[in-house]
Amino acid sequence: MSITEQSLSGKTALVTGSGRGIGRAIALRLARAGADVVINYHRNVAPAEEVAALVRESGRKALVVRANLSKTEDVDMLFDSIGSAFNGLDIFISNAASGFNRPALQQKVTGWDWTMNVNARAFLFAAQRAAPLMEKRGGGHIVAISSPGASRVLPDYIVVGASKAALESLTRYLAVELSPMNIVVNAIAPGLVMTDALKHFAVLGDPQVIDRAVANTPAGRVVTPEDVAELVAFLCSPAVFMIRGQVITIDGGFTLIAPRWSLRLRSARLPSHPGRVKRPPARQGLPSCLALPLPHLSRGFRSRPYPDLPLQIPALRCLPEQPAGPALHHPGCSSARPGSQAPRQIHSTVRIAM
């Protein structure tokens, strides 16, 4: 028997957005651990009712509540329903998420407001309502589902990433402020998870992306909703009493791997003042300011799971083969060619898109 099997017997859990995907897996896992489950959905009632039926089959109670979490009145209605049905709450899983996947210059105010309201604001005001219900039970656990996009740049993810960063900040603040009420607050940042939500990401339209992700994951596969649900169940157990305000990454080690490619600077003059780098012609579909020469298009580069993601290089490496024109060197480099310009200070981190 695992550490979470039946450890939640007699507990009541709310899982927002639990009609499908990660939320569904969490709801079923908590029910298997002994908890009664409140299943929240916004648009599709049929999947939510299916989850409720499975929860009841496991011998636990299930309550299905429709609520649009972007509206504070719906958040209040959701917790009023929980108070009436269970007179308390032990576990709150903030899983519901939404957003508009577009580049920064295509974002609109309505998309920003919607995404922030669902992903971040709802978490704060739901926690406000959950806290007194948990205090009735002597304490509780709150787990927020975040994303690596809170701290890393993903394609078209700017608004969702900002909302997840806000979510993680709220996790830390709530962990401190709710501790006197014996409420433990943490967050989880899953990596690439195989759910229907992936269809909303244009970069994942390439069927080979998943294969490349698997090839670059030390664990040998991508994350499943059940993996996330197991971690959630653990974070809702008494064993995590001393873990508070943490964002736990679950991605099979994918984000641990550092880039393995040597970069060659193409002919370009860095300005002496902040501004844009003069861009020579692009080659092989790579950015024109920095590019990999053909010999460096190695298997490692081609197998990179997200070729459109920005890549940060900790420091520029000096490569002896420089194209004609002013040479660019990292400070302290000893491989400058005769006749090249003297090294001068440049930023120690160069950001390129690959």
Protein backbone atom coordinates (compact mmCIF):
# COMPACT_ATOMS: atom_id res chain seq x y z
CA MET A 1 0.00 0.00 0.00
CA SER A 2 1.45 3.39 -1.01
CA ILE A 3 1.74 6.33 1.36
CA THR A 4 -1.51 7.83 0.04
CA GLU A 5 -3.73 4.75 -0.19
CA GLN A 6 -6.83 5.36 1.97
CA SER A 7 -4.98 8.13 3.84
CA LEU A 8 -7.70 10.58 2.76
CA SER A 9 -10.62 8.58 4.15
CA GLY A 10 -13.34 10.92 5.36
CA LYS A 11 -11.83 13.95 3.60
CA THR A 12 -13.59 16.24 1.14
CA ALA A 13 -11.72 17.44 -1.93
CA LEU A 14 -12.51 20.08 -4.55
CA VAL A 15 -10.83 19.70 -7.93
CA THR A 16 -11.55 22.53 -10.35
CA GLY A 17 -11.68 21.68 -14.04
CA SER A 18 -12.03 18.00 -13.20
CA GLY A 19 -14.19 16.81 -16.09
CA ARG A 20 -11.22 15.69 -18.19
CA GLY A 21 -7.46 15.57 -18.54
CA ILE A 22 -5.31 16.14 -15.48
CA GLY A 23 -8.27 17.22 -13.34
CA ARG A 24 -10.13 13.99 -14.07
CA ALA A 25 -7.11 11.88 -13.10
CA ILE A 26 -6.70 13.86 -9.87
CA ALA A 27 -10.36 13.50 -8.91
CA LEU A 28 -10.29 9.73 -9.44
CA ARG A 29 -6.99 9.34 -7.57
CA LEU A 30 -8.25 11.27 -4.55
CA ALA A 31 -11.44 9.19 -4.53
CA ARG A 32 -9.33 6.04 -4.60
CA ALA A 33 -7.45 7.40 -1.59
CA GLY A 34 -10.76 7.70 0.26
CA ALA A 35 -11.89 11.30 -0.34
CA ASP A 36 -15.32 12.55 -1.35
CA VAL A 37 -14.89 14.74 -4.42
CA VAL A 38 -16.46 17.97 -5.67
CA ILE A 39 -16.19 17.98 -9.46
CA ASN A 40 -16.18 21.39 -11.09
CA TYR A 41 -16.71 22.11 -14.78
CA HIS A 42 -17.55 25.12 -16.91
CA ARG A 43 -18.96 24.06 -20.28
CA ASN A 44 -19.22 20.27 -20.73
CA VAL A 45 -21.39 18.54 -18.18
CA ALA A 46 -21.24 15.03 -19.67
CA PRO A 47 -17.53 14.38 -18.88
CA ALA A 48 -18.03 15.78 -15.37
CA GLU A 49 -20.96 13.43 -14.77
CA GLU A 50 -18.86 10.50 -16.00
CA VAL A 51 -16.18 11.33 -13.45
CA ALA A 52 -18.83 11.64 -10.73
CA ALA A 53 -20.17 8.19 -11.62
CA LEU A 54 -16.69 6.69 -11.33
CA VAL A 55 -16.16 8.38 -7.96
CA ARG A 56 -19.43 6.94 -6.67
CA GLU A 57 -18.50 3.49 -7.98
CA SER A 58 -15.45 3.64 -5.74
CA GLY A 59 -17.73 4.12 -2.75
CA ARG A 60 -17.19 7.85 -2.31
CA LYS A 61 -19.60 10.79 -2.58
CA ALA A 62 -19.47 13.10 -5.58
CA LEU A 63 -20.91 16.57 -6.13
CA VAL A 64 -20.93 18.15 -9.61
CA VAL A 65 -20.96 21.96 -9.69
CA ARG A 66 -20.88 24.16 -12.76
CA ALA A 67 -18.91 27.37 -12.19
CA ASN A 68 -17.11 29.83 -14.43
CA LEU A 69 -14.11 30.63 -12.27
CA SER A 70 -13.43 33.89 -14.12
CA LYS A 71 -16.47 35.28 -12.27
CA THR A 72 -16.17 35.88 -8.54
CA GLU A 73 -19.91 35.28 -8.09
CA ASP A 74 -19.48 31.79 -9.53
CA VAL A 75 -16.56 31.15 -7.18
CA ASP A 76 -18.79 32.15 -4.27
CA MET A 77 -21.59 29.90 -5.52
CA LEU A 78 -19.18 26.97 -5.81
CA PHE A 79 -18.02 27.25 -2.22
CA ASP A 80 -21.53 27.91 -0.93
CA SER A 81 -22.51 24.59 -2.52
CA ILE A 82 -19.60 22.83 -0.86
CA GLY A 83 -20.46 24.30 2.52
CA SER A 84 -24.08 23.21 2.20
CA ALA A 85 -23.27 19.68 1.03
CA PHE A 86 -20.26 18.85 3.21
CA ASN A 87 -20.05 21.58 5.88
CA GLY A 88 -16.31 21.81 5.34
CA LEU A 89 -13.41 21.17 3.01
CA ASP A 90 -10.07 19.43 3.42
CA ILE A 91 -8.44 19.63 -0.02
CA PHE A 92 -8.54 22.25 -2.75
CA ILE A 93 -6.87 21.49 -6.08
CA SER A 94 -6.68 24.55 -8.34
CA ASN A 95 -6.48 22.83 -11.70
CA ALA A 96 -8.82 24.74 -14.03
CA ALA A 97 -6.89 26.79 -16.57
CA SER A 98 -7.51 28.64 -19.80
CA GLY A 99 -5.79 31.13 -22.07
CA PHE A 100 -5.19 32.52 -25.53
CA ASN A 101 -2.09 31.07 -27.20
CA ARG A 102 -0.82 33.93 -29.34
CA PRO A 103 2.44 35.88 -29.69
CA ALA A 104 2.86 38.98 -27.55
CA LEU A 105 2.04 41.44 -30.33
CA GLN A 106 -1.22 39.65 -31.12
CA GLN A 107 -2.57 39.54 -27.57
CA LYS A 108 -5.72 41.50 -26.70
CA VAL A 109 -6.98 43.00 -23.47
CA THR A 110 -9.90 40.58 -23.35
CA GLY A 111 -7.56 37.60 -23.67
CA TRP A 112 -5.28 38.94 -20.94
CA ASP A 113 -8.18 39.55 -18.55
CA TRP A 114 -9.77 36.15 -19.20
CA THR A 115 -6.52 34.25 -18.72
CA MET A 116 -5.50 36.09 -15.57
CA ASN A 117 -8.97 35.79 -14.06
CA VAL A 118 -9.23 32.03 -14.61
CA ASN A 119 -5.65 31.04 -13.86
CA ALA A 120 -4.57 33.44 -11.12
CA ARG A 121 -7.34 35.61 -9.69
CA ALA A 122 -9.66 32.64 -9.21
CA PHE A 123 -6.96 30.84 -7.21
CA LEU A 124 -6.65 33.71 -4.73
CA PHE A 125 -10.36 34.23 -4.15
CA ALA A 126 -11.09 30.50 -4.11
CA ALA A 127 -8.41 30.13 -1.43
CA GLN A 128 -10.13 32.88 0.54
CA ARG A 129 -13.33 30.86 0.53
CA ALA A 130 -11.61 27.51 1.07
CA ALA A 131 -9.64 28.61 4.14
CA PRO A 132 -12.54 28.96 6.60
CA LEU A 133 -14.05 25.68 5.40
CA MET A 134 -10.69 24.00 6.03
CA GLU A 135 -10.31 25.66 9.41
CA LYS A 136 -13.53 23.91 10.47
CA ARG A 137 -11.77 20.60 9.81
CA GLY A 138 -8.60 21.55 11.64
CA GLY A 139 -6.62 22.42 8.52
CA GLY A 140 -6.17 21.23 4.96
CA HIS A 141 -4.12 21.10 1.80
CA ILE A 142 -4.12 23.35 -1.28
CA VAL A 143 -2.32 22.36 -4.47
CA ALA A 144 -2.14 24.60 -7.55
CA ILE A 145 -1.34 23.20 -10.99
CA SER A 146 1.20 25.47 -12.67
CA SER A 147 3.42 25.06 -15.73
CA PRO A 148 7.08 25.28 -16.75
CA GLY A 149 5.92 28.29 -18.77
CA ALA A 150 5.84 30.27 -15.53
CA SER A 151 9.63 30.52 -15.64
CA ARG A 152 10.55 29.42 -19.18
CA VAL A 153 9.55 30.89 -22.53
CA LEU A 154 7.22 28.68 -24.57
CA PRO A 155 5.78 29.48 -28.02
CA ASP A 156 2.68 31.72 -27.94
CA TYR A 157 2.48 31.22 -24.16
CA ILE A 158 3.16 34.74 -22.95
CA VAL A 159 -0.16 35.44 -21.22
CA VAL A 160 -0.64 31.94 -19.83
CA GLY A 161 2.98 31.96 -18.67
CA ALA A 162 2.46 35.27 -16.88
CA SER A 163 -0.69 33.93 -15.22
CA LYS A 164 1.16 30.80 -14.07
CA ALA A 165 3.97 32.94 -12.67
CA ALA A 166 1.33 34.84 -10.70
CA LEU A 167 -0.12 31.52 -9.56
CA GLU A 168 3.27 30.41 -8.24
CA SER A 169 3.75 33.70 -6.41
CA LEU A 170 0.32 33.31 -4.82
CA THR A 171 1.32 29.80 -3.77
CA ARG A 172 4.24 31.15 -1.77
CA TYR A 173 2.26 33.92 -0.13
CA LEU A 174 -0.67 31.67 0.75
CA ALA A 175 1.70 29.04 2.15
CA VAL A 176 2.91 31.59 4.69
CA GLU A 177 -0.35 33.35 5.46
CA LEU A 178 -2.45 30.20 5.80
CA SER A 179 0.05 28.24 7.88
CA PRO A 180 -1.45 29.48 11.19
CA MET A 181 -4.68 27.79 10.08
CA ASN A 182 -2.75 24.52 9.51
CA ILE A 183 -3.27 24.76 5.75
CA VAL A 184 -0.40 23.44 3.62
CA VAL A 185 -0.04 25.10 0.20
CA ASN A 186 2.15 23.90 -2.68
CA ALA A 187 2.15 23.84 -6.48
CA ILE A 188 3.06 21.38 -9.23
CA ALA A 189 4.56 22.26 -12.62
CA PRO A 190 3.98 19.32 -14.98
CA GLY A 191 5.98 19.06 -18.17
CA LEU A 192 4.48 17.90 -21.45
CA VAL A 193 1.37 15.90 -20.46
CA MET A 194 -0.58 13.80 -22.93
CA THR A 195 -4.04 15.39 -22.83
CA ASP A 196 -6.48 16.94 -25.30
CA ALA A 197 -5.13 20.38 -24.33
CA LEU A 198 -2.08 19.76 -26.53
CA LYS A 199 -4.14 20.39 -29.65
CA HIS A 200 -4.21 24.09 -28.76
CA PHE A 201 -0.44 24.41 -29.26
CA ALA A 202 0.57 25.00 -32.86
CA VAL A 203 4.15 23.86 -32.22
CA LEU A 204 2.81 20.43 -31.30
CA GLY A 205 1.12 20.01 -34.66
CA ASP A 206 4.23 18.21 -35.86
CA PRO A 207 3.66 14.52 -34.99
CA GLN A 208 7.40 14.06 -34.46
CA VAL A 209 7.49 16.56 -31.59
CA ILE A 210 6.28 13.99 -29.06
CA ASP A 211 8.86 11.47 -30.24
CA ARG A 212 11.60 14.07 -29.89
CA ALA A 213 10.34 14.96 -26.42
CA VAL A 214 10.54 11.31 -25.38
CA ALA A 215 14.05 11.03 -26.80
CA ASN A 216 15.15 14.03 -24.73
CA THR A 217 13.50 12.92 -21.47
CA PRO A 218 15.76 10.93 -19.11
CA ALA A 219 12.76 8.99 -17.79
CA GLY A 220 12.10 7.72 -21.33
CA ARG A 221 8.53 8.94 -21.72
CA VAL A 222 6.37 12.02 -21.31
CA VAL A 223 4.23 12.73 -18.26
CA THR A 224 0.74 11.24 -17.95
CA PRO A 225 -2.23 12.71 -16.05
CA GLU A 226 -1.90 9.79 -13.65
CA ASP A 227 1.69 10.81 -12.84
CA VAL A 228 0.46 14.26 -11.83
CA ALA A 229 -2.43 12.77 -9.84
CA GLU A 230 -0.04 10.60 -7.82
CA LEU A 231 2.02 13.63 -6.88
CA VAL A 232 -1.12 15.57 -5.95
CA ALA A 233 -2.26 12.73 -3.69
CA PHE A 234 1.13 12.74 -1.99
CA LEU A 235 0.99 16.52 -1.46
CA CYS A 236 -2.40 16.07 0.23
CA SER A 237 -1.06 13.56 2.75
CA PRO A 238 0.26 14.20 6.29
CA ALA A 239 3.76 13.27 5.06
CA VAL A 240 4.22 16.71 3.47
CA PHE A 241 3.62 18.77 6.60
CA MET A 242 7.06 20.41 6.29
CA ILE A 243 6.82 21.07 2.53
CA ARG A 244 5.25 24.48 2.03
CA GLY A 245 5.16 27.05 -0.73
CA GLN A 246 7.12 24.87 -3.14
CA VAL A 247 6.66 24.45 -6.88
CA ILE A 248 7.49 20.84 -7.71
CA THR A 249 8.43 20.06 -11.31
CA ILE A 250 7.29 16.71 -12.69
CA ASP A 251 8.66 16.23 -16.19
CA GLY A 252 10.81 13.08 -16.16
CA GLY A 253 13.94 15.22 -16.07
CA PHE A 254 13.27 16.94 -19.39
CA THR A 255 14.18 20.44 -18.19
CA LEU A 256 17.41 19.22 -16.59
CA ILE A 257 19.17 18.72 -19.92
CA ALA A 258 21.40 21.61 -20.95
CA PRO A 259 21.80 22.53 -24.64
CA ARG A 260 24.60 20.56 -26.30
CA TRP A 261 25.24 22.64 -29.40
CA SER A 262 28.21 24.85 -30.25
CA LEU A 263 27.24 28.21 -31.66
CA ARG A 264 29.01 30.18 -34.33
CA LEU A 265 28.45 33.88 -34.53
CA ARG A 266 27.79 35.12 -37.99
CA SER A 267 29.11 38.42 -39.20
CA ALA A 268 27.38 41.06 -37.14
CA ARG A 269 28.41 44.21 -35.33
CA LEU A 270 27.26 44.62 -31.76
CA PRO A 271 26.26 48.24 -31.14
CA SER A 272 28.09 50.15 -28.43
CA HIS A 273 24.75 51.20 -26.99
CA PRO A 274 21.58 49.18 -26.32
CA GLY A 275 19.67 48.55 -29.50
CA ARG A 276 19.09 46.07 -32.25
CA VAL A 277 21.88 44.04 -33.74
CA LYS A 278 22.34 44.59 -37.47
CA ARG A 279 21.03 41.45 -39.13
CA PRO A 280 22.80 39.91 -42.08
CA PRO A 281 20.77 37.62 -44.36
CA ALA A 282 19.16 34.61 -42.70
CA ARG A 283 20.34 31.08 -43.50
CA GLN A 284 18.61 27.71 -43.21
CA GLY A 285 15.59 29.20 -41.49
CA LEU A 286 17.61 30.28 -38.43
CA PRO A 287 17.66 33.83 -37.04
CA SER A 288 19.80 36.19 -39.02
CA CYS A 289 21.67 37.67 -36.08
CA LEU A 290 22.94 34.30 -34.79
CA ALA A 291 23.02 31.08 -36.76
CA LEU A 292 24.36 27.57 -36.69
CA PRO A 293 26.50 26.68 -39.71
CA LEU A 294 25.50 23.56 -41.58
CA PRO A 295 28.09 21.26 -39.91
CA HIS A 296 26.52 22.08 -36.55
CA LEU A 297 23.03 20.93 -37.53
CA SER A 298 23.72 17.72 -35.68
CA ARG A 299 21.36 15.01 -34.53
CA GLY A 300 21.20 16.71 -31.15
CA PHE A 301 19.91 19.90 -32.73
CA ARG A 302 17.37 18.14 -34.91
CA SER A 303 16.11 16.08 -32.00
CA ARG A 304 15.46 19.11 -29.86
CA PRO A 305 11.80 18.64 -28.83
CA TYR A 306 10.78 22.27 -29.29
CA PRO A 307 12.83 23.74 -32.14
CA ASP A 308 10.97 27.04 -31.92
CA LEU A 309 11.67 27.60 -28.23
CA PRO A 310 14.17 30.23 -27.17
CA LEU A 311 17.51 28.86 -26.03
CA GLN A 312 19.72 30.56 -23.49
CA ILE A 313 23.46 30.08 -23.79
CA PRO A 314 25.29 30.80 -20.49
CA ALA A 315 28.34 32.21 -22.28
CA LEU A 316 29.58 32.62 -25.82
CA ARG A 317 32.30 30.21 -26.84
CA CYS A 318 35.14 31.50 -28.98
CA LEU A 319 35.32 29.58 -32.22
CA PRO A 320 38.44 30.09 -34.34
CA GLU A 321 36.62 29.88 -37.67
CA GLN A 322 35.13 33.37 -38.00
CA PRO A 323 33.55 34.69 -41.18
CA ALA A 324 34.91 37.83 -42.78
CA GLY A 325 34.15 40.98 -40.90
CA PRO A 326 34.63 42.23 -37.35
CA ALA A 327 35.26 39.34 -34.98
CA LEU A 328 33.12 38.93 -31.88
CA HIS A 329 34.74 37.42 -28.81
CA HIS A 330 33.74 36.58 -25.30
CA PRO A 331 35.64 38.64 -22.70
CA GLY A 332 38.82 36.84 -21.73
CA CYS A 333 38.97 34.79 -24.91
CA SER A 334 42.51 34.00 -26.04
CA SER A 335 41.70 32.81 -29.52
CA ALA A 336 41.38 36.17 -31.25
CA ARG A 337 42.79 36.17 -34.76
CA PRO A 338 45.51 38.61 -35.71
CA GLY A 339 44.01 41.82 -36.99
CA SER A 340 40.65 41.32 -35.33
CA GLN A 341 39.10 43.95 -33.17
CA ALA A 342 40.03 43.92 -29.52
CA PRO A 343 37.59 42.06 -27.30
CA ARG A 344 35.10 44.26 -25.55
CA GLN A 345 32.46 43.59 -22.94
CA ILE A 346 29.25 41.98 -24.12
CA HIS A 347 26.38 40.46 -22.20
CA SER A 348 27.26 37.10 -20.70
CA THR A 349 23.96 35.59 -21.83
CA VAL A 350 22.87 35.59 -25.45
CA ARG A 351 19.28 34.70 -26.25
CA ILE A 352 18.52 33.21 -29.60
CA ALA A 353 15.54 31.46 -31.14
CA MET A 354 16.22 28.08 -32.66
